[in-house]
């Protein structure tokens, strides 16, 4: 499949066909792609909530600036940040590294110690901002993956995180919502689908040295 062709095909979908549902095998690809997204230090301080309950989707519309895509989409992806990133988070990560790669402690411990000390020096706000950037990486990755699967998507910052967190009980999971992305299949009457993509010329955005 031509990657550039698919990236030209995709756009921020404004209207979904609510009758079309994404097959489970494609959802499986999407969630695995999320898990394979690059994150800082490999710590994966983010989680993905996959919503397909139409009643929940309808409830979320009011907290999404009344953007109708939330209710129409096959699924709604909510990108969340872990609010309990601490020493244990780092220790568990290195235990996983050791289990998967059988890396000796004498190689892992210096970096583990560095990360523990580094995160202790950061404020809660700084850690949240750092983790939120990882959510943006994941969303960017999934936008491309969806395009390759011929699945439409609409990346969103326009929602009320506190209301999402309450409705989805995210606080109990030590999570905060930071981004939302409804996914599905474009409606035939979505006027945006026929518009030419607007991008600056390459010479205005690419610098070669």
N, C-alpha and C. Protein backbone atom coordinates (compact mmCIF):
# COMPACT_ATOMS: atom_id res chain seq x y z
N UNK A 1 0.84 -1.20 0.00
CA UNK A 1 0.00 0.00 0.00
C UNK A 1 0.88 1.25 0.00
N UNK A 2 0.49 2.26 -0.77
CA UNK A 2 1.25 3.49 -0.88
C UNK A 2 0.98 4.36 0.35
N UNK A 3 2.01 4.56 1.17
CA UNK A 3 1.84 5.32 2.41
C UNK A 3 1.40 6.75 2.15
N UNK A 4 2.05 7.42 1.19
CA UNK A 4 1.70 8.82 0.91
C UNK A 4 0.27 8.93 0.36
N UNK A 5 -0.13 7.95 -0.43
CA UNK A 5 -1.50 7.94 -0.94
C UNK A 5 -2.49 7.87 0.21
N UNK A 6 -2.22 7.02 1.20
CA UNK A 6 -3.13 6.88 2.34
C UNK A 6 -3.12 8.10 3.24
N UNK A 7 -1.96 8.74 3.37
CA UNK A 7 -1.89 9.95 4.19
C UNK A 7 -2.61 11.11 3.51
N UNK A 8 -2.61 11.13 2.19
CA UNK A 8 -3.40 12.11 1.46
C UNK A 8 -4.89 11.81 1.56
N UNK A 9 -5.22 10.54 1.67
CA UNK A 9 -6.62 10.09 1.76
C UNK A 9 -7.25 10.50 3.09
N UNK A 10 -6.47 10.43 4.17
CA UNK A 10 -7.01 10.71 5.49
C UNK A 10 -7.25 12.20 5.70
N UNK A 11 -8.20 12.50 6.55
CA UNK A 11 -8.48 13.88 6.95
C UNK A 11 -9.21 13.81 8.29
N UNK A 12 -9.35 14.95 8.95
CA UNK A 12 -10.07 14.98 10.23
C UNK A 12 -11.56 14.86 9.94
N UNK A 13 -12.07 13.65 10.05
CA UNK A 13 -13.44 13.33 9.64
C UNK A 13 -14.47 14.09 10.49
N UNK A 14 -15.39 14.74 9.80
CA UNK A 14 -16.40 15.56 10.49
C UNK A 14 -17.74 14.85 10.64
N UNK A 15 -17.94 13.79 9.87
CA UNK A 15 -19.19 13.05 9.96
C UNK A 15 -18.94 11.58 9.65
N UNK A 16 -19.34 10.71 10.59
CA UNK A 16 -19.14 9.27 10.43
C UNK A 16 -20.45 8.59 10.04
N UNK A 17 -20.32 7.48 9.35
CA UNK A 17 -21.47 6.62 9.07
C UNK A 17 -21.69 5.74 10.30
N UNK A 18 -22.73 6.03 11.06
CA UNK A 18 -22.94 5.34 12.34
C UNK A 18 -23.36 3.88 12.17
N UNK A 19 -23.67 3.48 10.95
CA UNK A 19 -24.08 2.09 10.70
C UNK A 19 -22.89 1.17 10.45
N UNK A 20 -21.74 1.75 10.18
CA UNK A 20 -20.57 0.94 9.85
C UNK A 20 -19.68 0.75 11.09
N UNK A 21 -19.37 -0.48 11.39
CA UNK A 21 -18.59 -0.83 12.57
C UNK A 21 -17.24 -1.42 12.16
N UNK A 22 -16.19 -1.00 12.83
CA UNK A 22 -14.84 -1.50 12.54
C UNK A 22 -14.73 -2.96 12.98
N UNK A 23 -14.23 -3.84 12.11
CA UNK A 23 -14.06 -5.25 12.47
C UNK A 23 -13.10 -5.43 13.65
N UNK A 24 -13.32 -6.47 14.42
CA UNK A 24 -12.50 -6.72 15.61
C UNK A 24 -11.02 -6.92 15.27
N UNK A 25 -10.73 -7.51 14.10
CA UNK A 25 -9.32 -7.73 13.76
C UNK A 25 -8.61 -6.39 13.53
N UNK A 26 -9.33 -5.39 13.01
CA UNK A 26 -8.72 -4.07 12.83
C UNK A 26 -8.56 -3.36 14.17
N UNK A 27 -9.53 -3.53 15.07
CA UNK A 27 -9.38 -2.96 16.42
C UNK A 27 -8.17 -3.57 17.11
N UNK A 28 -7.98 -4.87 16.92
CA UNK A 28 -6.82 -5.55 17.49
C UNK A 28 -5.53 -4.96 16.95
N UNK A 29 -5.49 -4.67 15.66
CA UNK A 29 -4.30 -4.05 15.07
C UNK A 29 -4.04 -2.69 15.67
N UNK A 30 -5.10 -1.92 15.85
CA UNK A 30 -4.97 -0.57 16.40
C UNK A 30 -4.45 -0.59 17.83
N UNK A 31 -5.00 -1.46 18.68
CA UNK A 31 -4.56 -1.48 20.07
C UNK A 31 -3.13 -2.02 20.19
N UNK A 32 -2.77 -2.96 19.34
CA UNK A 32 -1.38 -3.44 19.34
C UNK A 32 -0.42 -2.36 18.86
N UNK A 33 -0.86 -1.58 17.88
CA UNK A 33 -0.04 -0.46 17.40
C UNK A 33 0.15 0.57 18.51
N UNK A 34 -0.90 0.80 19.28
CA UNK A 34 -0.77 1.70 20.43
C UNK A 34 0.31 1.20 21.38
N UNK A 35 0.27 -0.08 21.67
CA UNK A 35 1.23 -0.67 22.60
C UNK A 35 2.66 -0.63 22.06
N UNK A 36 2.80 -0.59 20.74
CA UNK A 36 4.12 -0.56 20.12
C UNK A 36 4.64 0.86 19.87
N UNK A 37 3.84 1.86 20.22
CA UNK A 37 4.26 3.25 20.04
C UNK A 37 5.51 3.56 20.86
N UNK A 38 6.41 4.30 20.27
CA UNK A 38 7.61 4.75 21.00
C UNK A 38 7.20 5.70 22.13
N UNK A 39 7.82 5.52 23.31
CA UNK A 39 7.61 6.45 24.42
C UNK A 39 8.96 6.76 25.07
N UNK A 40 9.02 7.90 25.72
CA UNK A 40 10.25 8.34 26.37
C UNK A 40 10.70 7.32 27.41
N UNK A 41 11.96 6.89 27.32
CA UNK A 41 12.57 5.89 28.20
C UNK A 41 11.91 4.51 28.08
N UNK A 42 10.91 4.40 27.22
CA UNK A 42 10.18 3.13 27.10
C UNK A 42 9.21 2.88 28.25
N UNK A 43 8.91 3.91 29.04
CA UNK A 43 8.13 3.72 30.26
C UNK A 43 6.62 3.55 30.03
N UNK A 44 6.15 3.90 28.86
CA UNK A 44 4.72 3.78 28.54
C UNK A 44 3.81 4.34 29.65
N UNK A 45 3.87 5.66 29.90
CA UNK A 45 3.05 6.25 30.96
C UNK A 45 1.63 6.58 30.51
N UNK A 46 1.15 5.89 29.48
CA UNK A 46 -0.16 6.17 28.90
C UNK A 46 -0.97 4.89 28.76
N UNK A 47 -2.28 5.06 28.73
CA UNK A 47 -3.18 3.94 28.49
C UNK A 47 -4.25 4.40 27.50
N UNK A 48 -4.86 3.43 26.84
CA UNK A 48 -5.88 3.72 25.84
C UNK A 48 -7.20 3.09 26.26
N UNK A 49 -8.24 3.90 26.35
CA UNK A 49 -9.58 3.36 26.58
C UNK A 49 -10.29 3.29 25.23
N UNK A 50 -10.84 2.12 24.93
CA UNK A 50 -11.55 1.90 23.66
C UNK A 50 -13.04 1.79 23.97
N UNK A 51 -13.80 2.76 23.50
CA UNK A 51 -15.23 2.81 23.82
C UNK A 51 -16.06 2.44 22.58
N UNK A 52 -16.94 1.46 22.75
CA UNK A 52 -17.86 1.08 21.67
C UNK A 52 -19.31 1.05 22.15
N UNK A 53 -19.51 1.38 23.43
CA UNK A 53 -20.85 1.45 24.00
C UNK A 53 -21.52 2.74 23.51
N UNK A 54 -22.55 2.62 22.68
CA UNK A 54 -23.17 3.79 22.05
C UNK A 54 -23.80 4.72 23.07
N UNK A 55 -24.31 4.19 24.17
CA UNK A 55 -24.91 5.04 25.20
C UNK A 55 -23.83 5.91 25.85
N UNK A 56 -22.68 5.32 26.09
CA UNK A 56 -21.56 6.08 26.67
C UNK A 56 -21.10 7.15 25.68
N UNK A 57 -21.01 6.76 24.41
CA UNK A 57 -20.58 7.72 23.38
C UNK A 57 -21.54 8.92 23.34
N UNK A 58 -22.83 8.64 23.39
CA UNK A 58 -23.81 9.73 23.37
C UNK A 58 -23.66 10.63 24.58
N UNK A 59 -23.39 10.04 25.74
CA UNK A 59 -23.19 10.84 26.95
C UNK A 59 -21.97 11.74 26.84
N UNK A 60 -20.97 11.29 26.10
CA UNK A 60 -19.72 12.04 25.96
C UNK A 60 -19.83 13.22 25.00
N UNK A 61 -20.85 13.21 24.14
CA UNK A 61 -20.99 14.28 23.15
C UNK A 61 -21.06 15.65 23.83
N UNK A 62 -21.83 15.75 24.90
CA UNK A 62 -22.00 17.02 25.61
C UNK A 62 -20.69 17.53 26.19
N UNK A 63 -19.77 16.61 26.49
CA UNK A 63 -18.49 16.99 27.07
C UNK A 63 -17.39 17.09 25.99
N UNK A 64 -17.83 17.07 24.73
CA UNK A 64 -16.90 17.12 23.60
C UNK A 64 -17.24 18.30 22.68
N UNK A 65 -17.64 19.40 23.29
CA UNK A 65 -18.04 20.59 22.54
C UNK A 65 -19.16 20.26 21.54
N UNK A 66 -19.97 19.27 21.90
CA UNK A 66 -21.09 18.81 21.08
C UNK A 66 -20.66 18.42 19.66
N UNK A 67 -19.45 17.90 19.56
CA UNK A 67 -18.98 17.41 18.26
C UNK A 67 -19.65 16.05 18.01
N UNK A 68 -20.43 15.98 16.95
CA UNK A 68 -21.29 14.82 16.71
C UNK A 68 -20.51 13.54 16.39
N UNK A 69 -19.24 13.70 15.99
CA UNK A 69 -18.45 12.51 15.64
C UNK A 69 -18.35 11.53 16.81
N UNK A 70 -18.35 12.06 18.02
CA UNK A 70 -18.20 11.20 19.20
C UNK A 70 -19.35 10.19 19.28
N UNK A 71 -20.55 10.63 18.97
CA UNK A 71 -21.70 9.74 19.02
C UNK A 71 -21.84 8.87 17.78
N UNK A 72 -21.35 9.36 16.64
CA UNK A 72 -21.50 8.64 15.37
C UNK A 72 -20.47 7.54 15.16
N UNK A 73 -19.29 7.72 15.70
CA UNK A 73 -18.15 6.85 15.38
C UNK A 73 -18.39 5.40 15.79
N UNK A 74 -17.70 4.52 15.10
CA UNK A 74 -17.73 3.10 15.46
C UNK A 74 -17.16 2.91 16.86
N UNK A 75 -16.03 3.54 17.12
CA UNK A 75 -15.36 3.46 18.42
C UNK A 75 -14.80 4.85 18.76
N UNK A 76 -14.63 5.11 20.03
CA UNK A 76 -13.97 6.33 20.49
C UNK A 76 -12.75 5.92 21.31
N UNK A 77 -11.60 6.45 20.91
CA UNK A 77 -10.35 6.17 21.62
C UNK A 77 -10.05 7.33 22.56
N UNK A 78 -9.83 7.03 23.82
CA UNK A 78 -9.48 8.05 24.81
C UNK A 78 -8.06 7.78 25.28
N UNK A 79 -7.17 8.72 25.01
CA UNK A 79 -5.76 8.60 25.38
C UNK A 79 -5.59 9.16 26.79
N UNK A 80 -5.10 8.32 27.69
CA UNK A 80 -5.02 8.68 29.10
C UNK A 80 -3.58 8.65 29.62
N UNK A 81 -3.34 9.49 30.61
CA UNK A 81 -2.04 9.56 31.27
C UNK A 81 -2.13 8.92 32.65
N UNK A 82 -1.14 8.14 33.00
CA UNK A 82 -1.04 7.54 34.34
C UNK A 82 -0.68 8.65 35.33
N UNK A 83 -1.48 8.80 36.38
CA UNK A 83 -1.22 9.86 37.36
C UNK A 83 -0.38 9.37 38.54
N UNK A 84 -0.02 8.09 38.54
CA UNK A 84 0.77 7.53 39.64
C UNK A 84 2.12 7.04 39.14
N UNK A 85 2.87 7.94 38.50
CA UNK A 85 4.21 7.59 38.02
C UNK A 85 5.20 7.87 39.15
N UNK A 86 5.81 6.81 39.67
CA UNK A 86 6.70 6.94 40.82
C UNK A 86 7.83 5.92 40.74
N UNK A 87 8.53 5.73 41.87
CA UNK A 87 9.64 4.77 41.91
C UNK A 87 9.19 3.38 41.45
N UNK A 88 8.02 2.96 41.92
CA UNK A 88 7.53 1.63 41.61
C UNK A 88 7.31 1.45 40.11
N UNK A 89 6.85 2.51 39.45
CA UNK A 89 6.65 2.48 38.00
C UNK A 89 7.96 2.12 37.30
N UNK A 90 9.01 2.79 37.73
CA UNK A 90 10.32 2.59 37.11
C UNK A 90 10.88 1.21 37.45
N UNK A 91 10.74 0.81 38.71
CA UNK A 91 11.22 -0.51 39.14
C UNK A 91 10.54 -1.62 38.35
N UNK A 92 9.22 -1.50 38.19
CA UNK A 92 8.47 -2.52 37.44
C UNK A 92 8.89 -2.57 35.98
N UNK A 93 9.20 -1.40 35.41
CA UNK A 93 9.66 -1.37 34.03
C UNK A 93 10.97 -2.14 33.88
N UNK A 94 11.90 -1.91 34.78
CA UNK A 94 13.19 -2.60 34.67
C UNK A 94 13.08 -4.09 34.98
N UNK A 95 12.12 -4.45 35.82
CA UNK A 95 11.86 -5.88 36.04
C UNK A 95 11.37 -6.53 34.76
N UNK A 96 10.54 -5.80 34.01
CA UNK A 96 10.04 -6.31 32.73
C UNK A 96 11.17 -6.43 31.71
N UNK A 97 12.05 -5.43 31.68
CA UNK A 97 13.21 -5.48 30.78
C UNK A 97 14.05 -6.72 31.07
N UNK A 98 14.29 -6.95 32.37
CA UNK A 98 15.10 -8.11 32.78
C UNK A 98 14.43 -9.41 32.38
N UNK A 99 13.11 -9.47 32.55
CA UNK A 99 12.36 -10.68 32.22
C UNK A 99 12.38 -10.96 30.72
N UNK A 100 12.19 -9.92 29.91
CA UNK A 100 12.09 -10.09 28.46
C UNK A 100 13.46 -10.30 27.82
N UNK A 101 14.47 -9.54 28.29
CA UNK A 101 15.78 -9.56 27.64
C UNK A 101 16.85 -10.31 28.42
N UNK A 102 16.53 -10.66 29.66
CA UNK A 102 17.49 -11.33 30.53
C UNK A 102 18.75 -10.49 30.72
N UNK A 103 18.53 -9.17 30.83
CA UNK A 103 19.65 -8.24 31.01
C UNK A 103 20.12 -8.26 32.46
N UNK A 104 21.41 -8.39 32.71
CA UNK A 104 21.94 -8.43 34.09
C UNK A 104 21.67 -7.14 34.86
N UNK A 105 21.50 -7.27 36.18
CA UNK A 105 21.24 -6.11 37.03
C UNK A 105 22.35 -5.07 36.96
N UNK A 106 23.59 -5.52 36.82
CA UNK A 106 24.69 -4.55 36.83
C UNK A 106 24.66 -3.63 35.61
N UNK A 107 23.97 -4.06 34.58
CA UNK A 107 23.79 -3.20 33.40
C UNK A 107 22.56 -2.31 33.58
N UNK A 108 21.51 -2.85 34.17
CA UNK A 108 20.26 -2.10 34.32
C UNK A 108 20.28 -1.09 35.46
N UNK A 109 20.94 -1.42 36.54
CA UNK A 109 20.83 -0.61 37.75
C UNK A 109 21.26 0.85 37.62
N UNK A 110 22.36 1.16 36.92
CA UNK A 110 22.74 2.58 36.80
C UNK A 110 21.67 3.44 36.15
N UNK A 111 21.06 2.94 35.07
CA UNK A 111 20.01 3.70 34.38
C UNK A 111 18.75 3.76 35.23
N UNK A 112 18.44 2.67 35.93
CA UNK A 112 17.28 2.65 36.82
C UNK A 112 17.44 3.70 37.92
N UNK A 113 18.62 3.74 38.50
CA UNK A 113 18.89 4.72 39.56
C UNK A 113 18.76 6.14 39.04
N UNK A 114 19.28 6.36 37.84
CA UNK A 114 19.21 7.70 37.23
C UNK A 114 17.75 8.13 37.05
N UNK A 115 16.91 7.23 36.52
CA UNK A 115 15.52 7.58 36.27
C UNK A 115 14.77 7.85 37.57
N UNK A 116 15.00 7.04 38.59
CA UNK A 116 14.34 7.24 39.88
C UNK A 116 14.68 8.62 40.44
N UNK A 117 15.95 8.97 40.40
CA UNK A 117 16.39 10.28 40.91
C UNK A 117 15.86 11.42 40.05
N UNK A 118 15.85 11.20 38.74
CA UNK A 118 15.39 12.23 37.81
C UNK A 118 13.92 12.54 38.02
N UNK A 119 13.10 11.50 38.19
CA UNK A 119 11.66 11.73 38.37
C UNK A 119 11.34 12.28 39.76
N UNK A 120 12.15 11.95 40.75
CA UNK A 120 11.94 12.53 42.08
C UNK A 120 12.15 14.04 42.06
N UNK A 121 12.99 14.51 41.15
CA UNK A 121 13.29 15.94 41.05
C UNK A 121 12.23 16.72 40.27
N UNK A 122 11.33 16.01 39.62
CA UNK A 122 10.30 16.66 38.81
C UNK A 122 9.05 16.91 39.63
N UNK A 123 8.35 17.99 39.31
CA UNK A 123 7.08 18.28 39.96
C UNK A 123 5.99 17.40 39.33
N UNK A 124 4.86 17.33 40.00
CA UNK A 124 3.72 16.56 39.47
C UNK A 124 3.29 17.12 38.12
N UNK A 125 3.31 18.45 38.00
CA UNK A 125 2.94 19.09 36.73
C UNK A 125 3.92 18.73 35.62
N UNK A 126 5.20 18.74 35.94
CA UNK A 126 6.21 18.40 34.94
C UNK A 126 6.06 16.95 34.46
N UNK A 127 5.76 16.05 35.38
CA UNK A 127 5.58 14.65 35.01
C UNK A 127 4.34 14.48 34.14
N UNK A 128 3.26 15.20 34.48
CA UNK A 128 2.04 15.12 33.69
C UNK A 128 2.28 15.64 32.28
N UNK A 129 2.98 16.75 32.16
CA UNK A 129 3.27 17.32 30.84
C UNK A 129 4.15 16.38 30.02
N UNK A 130 5.12 15.75 30.67
CA UNK A 130 5.98 14.78 29.99
C UNK A 130 5.16 13.59 29.49
N UNK A 131 4.29 13.08 30.36
CA UNK A 131 3.47 11.93 29.99
C UNK A 131 2.48 12.29 28.87
N UNK A 132 1.94 13.50 28.93
CA UNK A 132 0.99 13.93 27.91
C UNK A 132 1.62 13.94 26.52
N UNK A 133 2.89 14.29 26.46
CA UNK A 133 3.58 14.28 25.16
C UNK A 133 3.64 12.87 24.57
N UNK A 134 3.69 11.89 25.44
CA UNK A 134 3.71 10.51 24.96
C UNK A 134 2.35 10.14 24.35
N UNK A 135 1.29 10.72 24.88
CA UNK A 135 -0.05 10.48 24.33
C UNK A 135 -0.15 11.05 22.92
N UNK A 136 0.48 12.20 22.70
CA UNK A 136 0.48 12.79 21.35
C UNK A 136 1.25 11.90 20.37
N UNK A 137 2.35 11.33 20.84
CA UNK A 137 3.09 10.39 19.99
C UNK A 137 2.19 9.22 19.59
N UNK A 138 1.45 8.70 20.56
CA UNK A 138 0.58 7.56 20.29
C UNK A 138 -0.54 7.92 19.33
N UNK A 139 -1.12 9.09 19.51
CA UNK A 139 -2.19 9.51 18.60
C UNK A 139 -1.67 9.64 17.18
N UNK A 140 -0.50 10.26 17.03
CA UNK A 140 0.08 10.41 15.70
C UNK A 140 0.31 9.05 15.04
N UNK A 141 0.79 8.11 15.84
CA UNK A 141 1.02 6.76 15.33
C UNK A 141 -0.29 6.13 14.87
N UNK A 142 -1.34 6.25 15.68
CA UNK A 142 -2.61 5.61 15.35
C UNK A 142 -3.32 6.30 14.19
N UNK A 143 -3.09 7.58 13.99
CA UNK A 143 -3.65 8.25 12.81
C UNK A 143 -3.11 7.61 11.54
N UNK A 144 -1.81 7.32 11.53
CA UNK A 144 -1.20 6.67 10.37
C UNK A 144 -1.69 5.23 10.22
N UNK A 145 -1.74 4.51 11.34
CA UNK A 145 -2.20 3.12 11.30
C UNK A 145 -3.63 3.06 10.77
N UNK A 146 -4.50 3.93 11.26
CA UNK A 146 -5.89 3.95 10.78
C UNK A 146 -5.94 4.24 9.28
N UNK A 147 -5.14 5.18 8.82
CA UNK A 147 -5.12 5.49 7.39
C UNK A 147 -4.72 4.27 6.58
N UNK A 148 -3.74 3.53 7.08
CA UNK A 148 -3.29 2.33 6.36
C UNK A 148 -4.37 1.25 6.34
N UNK A 149 -5.29 1.29 7.31
CA UNK A 149 -6.38 0.31 7.37
C UNK A 149 -7.66 0.82 6.70
N UNK A 150 -7.56 2.01 6.07
CA UNK A 150 -8.74 2.65 5.47
C UNK A 150 -9.82 2.93 6.51
N UNK A 151 -9.36 3.32 7.70
CA UNK A 151 -10.27 3.69 8.78
C UNK A 151 -10.13 5.19 9.00
N UNK A 152 -11.26 5.86 9.09
CA UNK A 152 -11.26 7.31 9.29
C UNK A 152 -11.12 7.66 10.77
N UNK A 153 -10.59 8.85 11.01
CA UNK A 153 -10.35 9.27 12.39
C UNK A 153 -10.43 10.79 12.49
N UNK A 154 -10.66 11.26 13.70
CA UNK A 154 -10.66 12.71 13.94
C UNK A 154 -9.97 12.98 15.28
N UNK A 155 -8.72 13.45 15.24
CA UNK A 155 -8.01 13.77 16.49
C UNK A 155 -8.64 14.98 17.17
N UNK A 156 -8.83 14.90 18.47
CA UNK A 156 -9.52 15.97 19.20
C UNK A 156 -8.81 16.37 20.49
N UNK A 157 -8.68 17.69 20.66
CA UNK A 157 -8.32 18.25 21.96
C UNK A 157 -9.55 18.93 22.57
N UNK A 158 -10.56 19.18 21.74
CA UNK A 158 -11.74 19.92 22.16
C UNK A 158 -12.73 19.08 22.95
N UNK A 159 -12.42 18.86 24.21
CA UNK A 159 -13.33 18.15 25.11
C UNK A 159 -13.01 18.59 26.54
N UNK A 160 -13.86 18.20 27.48
CA UNK A 160 -13.67 18.59 28.89
C UNK A 160 -13.10 17.39 29.64
N UNK A 161 -11.79 17.36 29.86
CA UNK A 161 -11.16 16.19 30.48
C UNK A 161 -11.78 15.80 31.82
N UNK A 162 -12.10 16.79 32.65
CA UNK A 162 -12.64 16.48 33.97
C UNK A 162 -13.97 15.71 33.87
N UNK A 163 -14.78 16.09 32.91
CA UNK A 163 -16.07 15.42 32.72
C UNK A 163 -15.88 14.01 32.16
N UNK A 164 -14.95 13.87 31.23
CA UNK A 164 -14.61 12.54 30.72
C UNK A 164 -14.13 11.65 31.86
N UNK A 165 -13.23 12.21 32.67
CA UNK A 165 -12.65 11.42 33.77
C UNK A 165 -13.72 10.93 34.73
N UNK A 166 -14.71 11.80 34.99
CA UNK A 166 -15.78 11.43 35.91
C UNK A 166 -16.70 10.38 35.29
N UNK A 167 -17.12 10.61 34.06
CA UNK A 167 -18.05 9.69 33.42
C UNK A 167 -17.44 8.31 33.20
N UNK A 168 -16.15 8.28 32.88
CA UNK A 168 -15.48 7.01 32.58
C UNK A 168 -14.79 6.40 33.79
N UNK A 169 -14.96 7.04 34.96
CA UNK A 169 -14.36 6.54 36.22
C UNK A 169 -12.84 6.39 36.11
N UNK A 170 -12.21 7.34 35.45
CA UNK A 170 -10.77 7.24 35.22
C UNK A 170 -9.95 7.49 36.49
N UNK A 171 -10.49 8.31 37.40
CA UNK A 171 -9.76 8.60 38.63
C UNK A 171 -9.49 7.33 39.43
N UNK A 172 -10.46 6.42 39.43
CA UNK A 172 -10.29 5.15 40.15
C UNK A 172 -9.17 4.31 39.54
N UNK A 173 -8.88 4.56 38.27
CA UNK A 173 -7.82 3.82 37.58
C UNK A 173 -6.50 4.59 37.59
N UNK A 174 -6.47 5.71 38.34
CA UNK A 174 -5.28 6.59 38.40
C UNK A 174 -4.92 7.11 37.01
N UNK A 175 -5.96 7.53 36.27
CA UNK A 175 -5.75 8.03 34.92
C UNK A 175 -6.41 9.39 34.73
N UNK A 176 -5.86 10.15 33.77
CA UNK A 176 -6.48 11.40 33.33
C UNK A 176 -6.54 11.38 31.81
N UNK A 177 -7.67 11.80 31.26
CA UNK A 177 -7.80 11.85 29.80
C UNK A 177 -7.09 13.09 29.26
N UNK A 178 -6.42 12.93 28.12
CA UNK A 178 -5.70 14.07 27.53
C UNK A 178 -6.04 14.28 26.06
N UNK A 179 -6.45 13.23 25.36
CA UNK A 179 -6.79 13.33 23.94
C UNK A 179 -7.92 12.35 23.62
N UNK A 180 -8.67 12.68 22.58
CA UNK A 180 -9.77 11.83 22.15
C UNK A 180 -9.71 11.65 20.64
N UNK A 181 -10.04 10.44 20.18
CA UNK A 181 -10.05 10.21 18.73
C UNK A 181 -11.16 9.24 18.34
N UNK A 182 -12.29 9.77 17.84
CA UNK A 182 -13.31 8.89 17.29
C UNK A 182 -12.80 8.27 15.99
N UNK A 183 -13.11 6.99 15.77
CA UNK A 183 -12.68 6.30 14.56
C UNK A 183 -13.85 5.53 13.96
N UNK A 184 -13.81 5.36 12.65
CA UNK A 184 -14.89 4.66 11.97
C UNK A 184 -14.77 4.85 10.47
N UNK A 185 -15.90 5.10 9.83
CA UNK A 185 -15.92 5.26 8.38
C UNK A 185 -16.70 6.52 8.01
N UNK A 186 -16.13 7.33 7.17
CA UNK A 186 -16.72 8.61 6.79
C UNK A 186 -18.12 8.45 6.20
N UNK A 187 -18.97 9.40 6.53
CA UNK A 187 -20.31 9.43 5.95
C UNK A 187 -20.23 9.94 4.52
N UNK A 188 -21.14 9.49 3.68
CA UNK A 188 -21.14 9.90 2.27
C UNK A 188 -21.37 11.39 2.12
N UNK A 189 -22.07 11.98 3.08
CA UNK A 189 -22.38 13.41 2.97
C UNK A 189 -21.39 14.31 3.73
N UNK A 190 -20.25 13.75 4.16
CA UNK A 190 -19.24 14.59 4.83
C UNK A 190 -18.55 15.45 3.78
N UNK A 191 -18.87 16.74 3.80
CA UNK A 191 -18.34 17.64 2.77
C UNK A 191 -16.82 17.72 2.77
N UNK A 192 -16.21 17.44 3.93
CA UNK A 192 -14.75 17.54 4.04
C UNK A 192 -14.04 16.47 3.21
N UNK A 193 -14.71 15.36 2.95
CA UNK A 193 -14.06 14.24 2.28
C UNK A 193 -13.65 14.55 0.84
N UNK A 194 -14.33 15.51 0.22
CA UNK A 194 -14.04 15.83 -1.18
C UNK A 194 -13.11 17.03 -1.35
N UNK A 195 -12.75 17.64 -0.23
CA UNK A 195 -11.89 18.82 -0.31
C UNK A 195 -10.42 18.43 -0.46
N UNK A 196 -9.70 19.21 -1.25
CA UNK A 196 -8.27 18.96 -1.43
C UNK A 196 -7.52 19.28 -0.15
N UNK A 197 -6.54 18.45 0.17
CA UNK A 197 -5.75 18.67 1.38
C UNK A 197 -4.90 19.94 1.23
N UNK A 198 -4.88 20.75 2.28
CA UNK A 198 -4.11 22.00 2.26
C UNK A 198 -2.84 21.83 3.07
N UNK A 199 -1.71 21.92 2.40
CA UNK A 199 -0.41 21.82 3.07
C UNK A 199 0.56 22.82 2.43
N UNK A 200 1.48 23.33 3.22
CA UNK A 200 2.51 24.23 2.70
C UNK A 200 3.40 23.47 1.72
N UNK A 201 4.06 24.17 0.80
CA UNK A 201 5.02 23.51 -0.09
C UNK A 201 6.17 22.91 0.73
N UNK A 202 6.73 21.81 0.25
CA UNK A 202 7.81 21.15 0.98
C UNK A 202 8.96 22.10 1.31
N UNK A 203 9.28 22.99 0.36
CA UNK A 203 10.42 23.89 0.59
C UNK A 203 10.18 24.85 1.75
N UNK A 204 8.92 24.99 2.17
CA UNK A 204 8.62 25.88 3.30
C UNK A 204 8.66 25.15 4.64
N UNK A 205 8.73 23.82 4.63
CA UNK A 205 8.69 23.08 5.89
C UNK A 205 9.87 22.12 6.10
N UNK A 206 10.63 21.87 5.05
CA UNK A 206 11.75 20.95 5.16
C UNK A 206 13.06 21.72 5.00
N UNK A 207 14.01 21.43 5.90
CA UNK A 207 15.32 22.08 5.85
C UNK A 207 16.38 20.98 5.69
N UNK A 208 17.17 21.11 4.68
CA UNK A 208 18.27 20.16 4.44
C UNK A 208 19.59 20.83 4.79
N UNK A 209 20.47 20.10 5.43
CA UNK A 209 21.80 20.61 5.76
C UNK A 209 22.87 19.66 5.26
